[in-house]
Amino acid sequence: MDRKKLYWLAPALLTVLFLASCSGAPGPYPEEVDWETAVEILNSGNVEMVMQAHSLDITLTMQDGSQIHTVEPQIDAIFAEIEKCGEPCRQIVQATE
């Protein structure tokens, strides 16, 4: 490979490596969990935000930025669980569509 091609290739490779390192490691939990597991995760105190959709889909955004998806058994069940959780869940941002 000639040198001119190497001069163009090196910055491109460095950019790819940099972007890959910025993506962050996946969280310690699977991306999809059942309802009971989601409630356990919620009670851990590591959830930063909860998003509820009308379809009963729930997204838990963890403090490390990872997200976990589940389906609640009925509308607003996640908000009842946040209230039951008490102090560990006091700072969770709550959103609904």
N, C-alpha and C. Protein backbone atom coordinates (compact mmCIF):
# COMPACT_ATOMS: atom_id res chain seq x y z
N MET A 1 0.86 -1.17 0.00
CA MET A 1 0.00 0.00 0.00
C MET A 1 0.91 1.23 0.00
N ASP A 2 0.56 2.19 -0.86
CA ASP A 2 1.43 3.36 -0.91
C ASP A 2 1.13 4.32 0.25
N ARG A 3 2.04 5.24 0.47
CA ARG A 3 1.97 6.12 1.64
C ARG A 3 0.77 7.05 1.60
N LYS A 4 0.36 7.52 0.43
CA LYS A 4 -0.77 8.44 0.35
C LYS A 4 -2.04 7.76 0.86
N LYS A 5 -2.21 6.51 0.52
CA LYS A 5 -3.38 5.78 1.00
C LYS A 5 -3.32 5.59 2.51
N LEU A 6 -2.13 5.34 3.04
CA LEU A 6 -1.98 5.18 4.48
C LEU A 6 -2.32 6.47 5.23
N TYR A 7 -1.97 7.63 4.67
CA TYR A 7 -2.29 8.90 5.32
C TYR A 7 -3.79 9.11 5.43
N TRP A 8 -4.54 8.62 4.48
CA TRP A 8 -6.00 8.74 4.53
C TRP A 8 -6.62 7.66 5.41
N LEU A 9 -6.02 6.50 5.43
CA LEU A 9 -6.57 5.37 6.18
C LEU A 9 -6.38 5.53 7.69
N ALA A 10 -5.25 6.03 8.13
CA ALA A 10 -4.97 6.14 9.56
C ALA A 10 -5.99 7.02 10.29
N PRO A 11 -6.30 8.22 9.81
CA PRO A 11 -7.31 9.03 10.53
C PRO A 11 -8.68 8.37 10.54
N ALA A 12 -9.04 7.70 9.46
CA ALA A 12 -10.34 7.02 9.41
C ALA A 12 -10.40 5.91 10.45
N LEU A 13 -9.34 5.14 10.58
CA LEU A 13 -9.31 4.07 11.57
C LEU A 13 -9.35 4.63 12.99
N LEU A 14 -8.62 5.70 13.23
CA LEU A 14 -8.65 6.32 14.56
C LEU A 14 -10.04 6.84 14.90
N THR A 15 -10.72 7.40 13.92
CA THR A 15 -12.09 7.89 14.15
C THR A 15 -13.02 6.75 14.52
N VAL A 16 -12.93 5.65 13.79
CA VAL A 16 -13.77 4.48 14.07
C VAL A 16 -13.49 3.95 15.47
N LEU A 17 -12.24 3.84 15.84
CA LEU A 17 -11.87 3.35 17.17
C LEU A 17 -12.37 4.29 18.26
N PHE A 18 -12.26 5.59 18.04
CA PHE A 18 -12.73 6.57 19.01
C PHE A 18 -14.24 6.46 19.19
N LEU A 19 -14.98 6.39 18.10
CA LEU A 19 -16.44 6.30 18.19
C LEU A 19 -16.87 5.00 18.87
N ALA A 20 -16.18 3.93 18.60
CA ALA A 20 -16.51 2.65 19.24
C ALA A 20 -16.27 2.72 20.74
N SER A 21 -15.22 3.41 21.16
CA SER A 21 -14.94 3.50 22.59
C SER A 21 -15.94 4.40 23.31
N CYS A 22 -16.59 5.30 22.60
CA CYS A 22 -17.56 6.22 23.21
C CYS A 22 -18.93 5.60 23.38
N SER A 23 -19.18 4.48 22.77
CA SER A 23 -20.51 3.89 22.82
C SER A 23 -20.85 3.36 24.21
N GLY A 24 -19.85 3.14 25.05
CA GLY A 24 -20.09 2.68 26.41
C GLY A 24 -20.36 1.19 26.46
N ALA A 25 -20.11 0.62 27.60
CA ALA A 25 -20.35 -0.80 27.78
C ALA A 25 -21.82 -1.01 28.12
N PRO A 26 -22.35 -2.16 27.73
CA PRO A 26 -23.75 -2.43 28.09
C PRO A 26 -23.89 -2.55 29.60
N GLY A 27 -25.08 -2.26 30.10
CA GLY A 27 -25.33 -2.35 31.53
C GLY A 27 -25.30 -3.79 32.02
N PRO A 28 -25.41 -3.98 33.32
CA PRO A 28 -25.33 -5.32 33.89
C PRO A 28 -26.62 -6.12 33.71
N TYR A 29 -27.67 -5.50 33.19
CA TYR A 29 -28.96 -6.18 33.02
C TYR A 29 -29.24 -6.43 31.55
N PRO A 30 -30.08 -7.43 31.27
CA PRO A 30 -30.48 -7.64 29.87
C PRO A 30 -31.33 -6.47 29.38
N GLU A 31 -31.44 -6.33 28.08
CA GLU A 31 -32.22 -5.23 27.50
C GLU A 31 -33.72 -5.42 27.71
N GLU A 32 -34.19 -6.66 27.73
CA GLU A 32 -35.61 -6.97 27.96
C GLU A 32 -35.72 -7.85 29.20
N VAL A 33 -36.64 -7.49 30.10
CA VAL A 33 -36.85 -8.30 31.30
C VAL A 33 -38.35 -8.45 31.55
N ASP A 34 -38.71 -9.43 32.37
CA ASP A 34 -40.11 -9.57 32.74
C ASP A 34 -40.46 -8.53 33.80
N TRP A 35 -41.75 -8.41 34.09
CA TRP A 35 -42.22 -7.38 35.01
C TRP A 35 -41.60 -7.51 36.40
N GLU A 36 -41.56 -8.72 36.93
CA GLU A 36 -41.03 -8.93 38.28
C GLU A 36 -39.56 -8.51 38.37
N THR A 37 -38.80 -8.83 37.34
CA THR A 37 -37.38 -8.43 37.32
C THR A 37 -37.26 -6.91 37.23
N ALA A 38 -38.11 -6.29 36.43
CA ALA A 38 -38.09 -4.82 36.30
C ALA A 38 -38.35 -4.16 37.65
N VAL A 39 -39.29 -4.71 38.43
CA VAL A 39 -39.58 -4.14 39.75
C VAL A 39 -38.37 -4.30 40.67
N GLU A 40 -37.69 -5.44 40.61
CA GLU A 40 -36.47 -5.63 41.41
C GLU A 40 -35.40 -4.61 41.02
N ILE A 41 -35.24 -4.40 39.71
CA ILE A 41 -34.26 -3.42 39.23
C ILE A 41 -34.65 -2.02 39.70
N LEU A 42 -35.92 -1.70 39.59
CA LEU A 42 -36.42 -0.40 40.05
C LEU A 42 -36.05 -0.16 41.51
N ASN A 43 -36.26 -1.15 42.34
CA ASN A 43 -35.99 -1.04 43.77
C ASN A 43 -34.50 -1.00 44.11
N SER A 44 -33.63 -1.23 43.13
CA SER A 44 -32.19 -1.22 43.39
C SER A 44 -31.66 0.19 43.66
N GLY A 45 -32.42 1.21 43.25
CA GLY A 45 -31.96 2.58 43.43
C GLY A 45 -31.06 3.06 42.31
N ASN A 46 -30.92 2.27 41.24
CA ASN A 46 -30.03 2.63 40.13
C ASN A 46 -30.78 3.14 38.90
N VAL A 47 -32.09 3.36 39.03
CA VAL A 47 -32.89 3.82 37.90
C VAL A 47 -32.94 5.35 37.93
N GLU A 48 -32.68 5.96 36.80
CA GLU A 48 -32.68 7.41 36.70
C GLU A 48 -34.01 7.95 36.16
N MET A 49 -34.60 7.21 35.17
CA MET A 49 -35.84 7.68 34.56
C MET A 49 -36.72 6.49 34.17
N VAL A 50 -38.03 6.70 34.26
CA VAL A 50 -39.00 5.69 33.84
C VAL A 50 -39.92 6.33 32.81
N MET A 51 -40.10 5.64 31.67
CA MET A 51 -41.01 6.11 30.63
C MET A 51 -42.09 5.06 30.42
N GLN A 52 -43.35 5.49 30.51
CA GLN A 52 -44.48 4.59 30.31
C GLN A 52 -45.19 4.97 29.01
N ALA A 53 -45.46 3.98 28.16
CA ALA A 53 -46.25 4.19 26.95
C ALA A 53 -47.67 3.69 27.18
N HIS A 54 -48.63 4.21 26.41
CA HIS A 54 -50.02 3.75 26.53
C HIS A 54 -50.15 2.27 26.21
N SER A 55 -49.20 1.74 25.48
CA SER A 55 -49.20 0.32 25.11
C SER A 55 -48.76 -0.58 26.26
N LEU A 56 -48.48 0.00 27.42
CA LEU A 56 -47.97 -0.67 28.63
C LEU A 56 -46.47 -0.98 28.55
N ASP A 57 -45.81 -0.53 27.48
CA ASP A 57 -44.36 -0.69 27.40
C ASP A 57 -43.70 0.28 28.36
N ILE A 58 -42.72 -0.23 29.09
CA ILE A 58 -41.98 0.56 30.07
C ILE A 58 -40.50 0.55 29.70
N THR A 59 -39.88 1.72 29.78
CA THR A 59 -38.44 1.82 29.60
C THR A 59 -37.84 2.37 30.88
N LEU A 60 -36.92 1.62 31.46
CA LEU A 60 -36.16 2.07 32.62
C LEU A 60 -34.81 2.55 32.09
N THR A 61 -34.46 3.79 32.35
CA THR A 61 -33.14 4.30 31.99
C THR A 61 -32.30 4.29 33.25
N MET A 62 -31.20 3.56 33.19
CA MET A 62 -30.35 3.38 34.34
C MET A 62 -29.38 4.56 34.48
N GLN A 63 -28.77 4.70 35.63
CA GLN A 63 -27.82 5.80 35.88
C GLN A 63 -26.62 5.73 34.95
N ASP A 64 -26.28 4.52 34.45
CA ASP A 64 -25.15 4.40 33.52
C ASP A 64 -25.57 4.67 32.07
N GLY A 65 -26.85 5.01 31.85
CA GLY A 65 -27.34 5.32 30.51
C GLY A 65 -27.96 4.15 29.77
N SER A 66 -27.75 2.94 30.27
CA SER A 66 -28.35 1.78 29.61
C SER A 66 -29.86 1.80 29.83
N GLN A 67 -30.58 1.10 28.95
CA GLN A 67 -32.04 1.06 29.05
C GLN A 67 -32.52 -0.38 29.13
N ILE A 68 -33.59 -0.55 29.89
CA ILE A 68 -34.22 -1.85 30.08
C ILE A 68 -35.69 -1.71 29.73
N HIS A 69 -36.21 -2.67 28.98
CA HIS A 69 -37.60 -2.63 28.56
C HIS A 69 -38.38 -3.77 29.21
N THR A 70 -39.64 -3.47 29.54
CA THR A 70 -40.55 -4.46 30.08
C THR A 70 -41.96 -4.05 29.71
N VAL A 71 -42.93 -4.86 30.10
CA VAL A 71 -44.34 -4.56 29.88
C VAL A 71 -45.03 -4.64 31.23
N GLU A 72 -45.71 -3.57 31.61
CA GLU A 72 -46.41 -3.56 32.89
C GLU A 72 -47.75 -4.28 32.77
N PRO A 73 -48.23 -4.86 33.87
CA PRO A 73 -49.48 -5.64 33.82
C PRO A 73 -50.72 -4.78 33.58
N GLN A 74 -50.71 -3.53 34.05
CA GLN A 74 -51.81 -2.60 33.77
C GLN A 74 -51.26 -1.19 33.79
N ILE A 75 -51.99 -0.26 33.20
CA ILE A 75 -51.53 1.11 33.09
C ILE A 75 -51.24 1.69 34.49
N ASP A 76 -50.16 2.41 34.59
CA ASP A 76 -49.69 3.09 35.79
C ASP A 76 -49.16 2.16 36.88
N ALA A 77 -49.00 0.89 36.59
CA ALA A 77 -48.44 -0.03 37.59
C ALA A 77 -47.02 0.39 37.96
N ILE A 78 -46.26 0.92 36.99
CA ILE A 78 -44.89 1.33 37.29
C ILE A 78 -44.86 2.48 38.29
N PHE A 79 -45.83 3.40 38.18
CA PHE A 79 -45.85 4.53 39.10
C PHE A 79 -46.23 4.10 40.52
N ALA A 80 -47.09 3.10 40.62
CA ALA A 80 -47.42 2.54 41.93
C ALA A 80 -46.18 1.88 42.55
N GLU A 81 -45.39 1.20 41.73
CA GLU A 81 -44.16 0.56 42.22
C GLU A 81 -43.13 1.59 42.66
N ILE A 82 -43.05 2.70 41.94
CA ILE A 82 -42.12 3.77 42.34
C ILE A 82 -42.53 4.32 43.70
N GLU A 83 -43.81 4.51 43.90
CA GLU A 83 -44.29 5.02 45.19
C GLU A 83 -44.01 4.03 46.32
N LYS A 84 -44.24 2.73 46.07
CA LYS A 84 -43.96 1.71 47.09
C LYS A 84 -42.47 1.64 47.41
N CYS A 85 -41.65 1.90 46.43
CA CYS A 85 -40.19 1.81 46.58
C CYS A 85 -39.68 2.79 47.63
N GLY A 86 -40.26 3.97 47.67
CA GLY A 86 -39.85 4.96 48.67
C GLY A 86 -38.54 5.65 48.34
N GLU A 87 -37.69 5.81 49.34
CA GLU A 87 -36.47 6.61 49.24
C GLU A 87 -35.56 6.23 48.07
N PRO A 88 -35.29 4.94 47.79
CA PRO A 88 -34.39 4.63 46.67
C PRO A 88 -34.90 5.14 45.32
N CYS A 89 -36.21 5.39 45.21
CA CYS A 89 -36.81 5.81 43.95
C CYS A 89 -37.24 7.27 43.93
N ARG A 90 -36.90 7.97 44.99
CA ARG A 90 -37.38 9.35 45.16
C ARG A 90 -36.97 10.28 44.02
N GLN A 91 -35.79 10.10 43.46
CA GLN A 91 -35.26 11.01 42.41
C GLN A 91 -35.56 10.55 40.99
N ILE A 92 -36.31 9.48 40.81
CA ILE A 92 -36.58 8.99 39.45
C ILE A 92 -37.45 9.98 38.69
N VAL A 93 -37.02 10.32 37.49
CA VAL A 93 -37.81 11.15 36.59
C VAL A 93 -38.88 10.24 35.98
N GLN A 94 -40.13 10.69 36.02
CA GLN A 94 -41.25 9.88 35.53
C GLN A 94 -41.88 10.55 34.31
N ALA A 95 -42.08 9.78 33.26
CA ALA A 95 -42.66 10.32 32.03
C ALA A 95 -43.68 9.33 31.48
N THR A 96 -44.68 9.87 30.80
CA THR A 96 -45.69 9.04 30.15
C THR A 96 -46.06 9.71 28.84
N GLU A 97 -46.54 8.90 27.90
CA GLU A 97 -46.97 9.50 26.63
C GLU A 97 -48.45 9.68 26.61
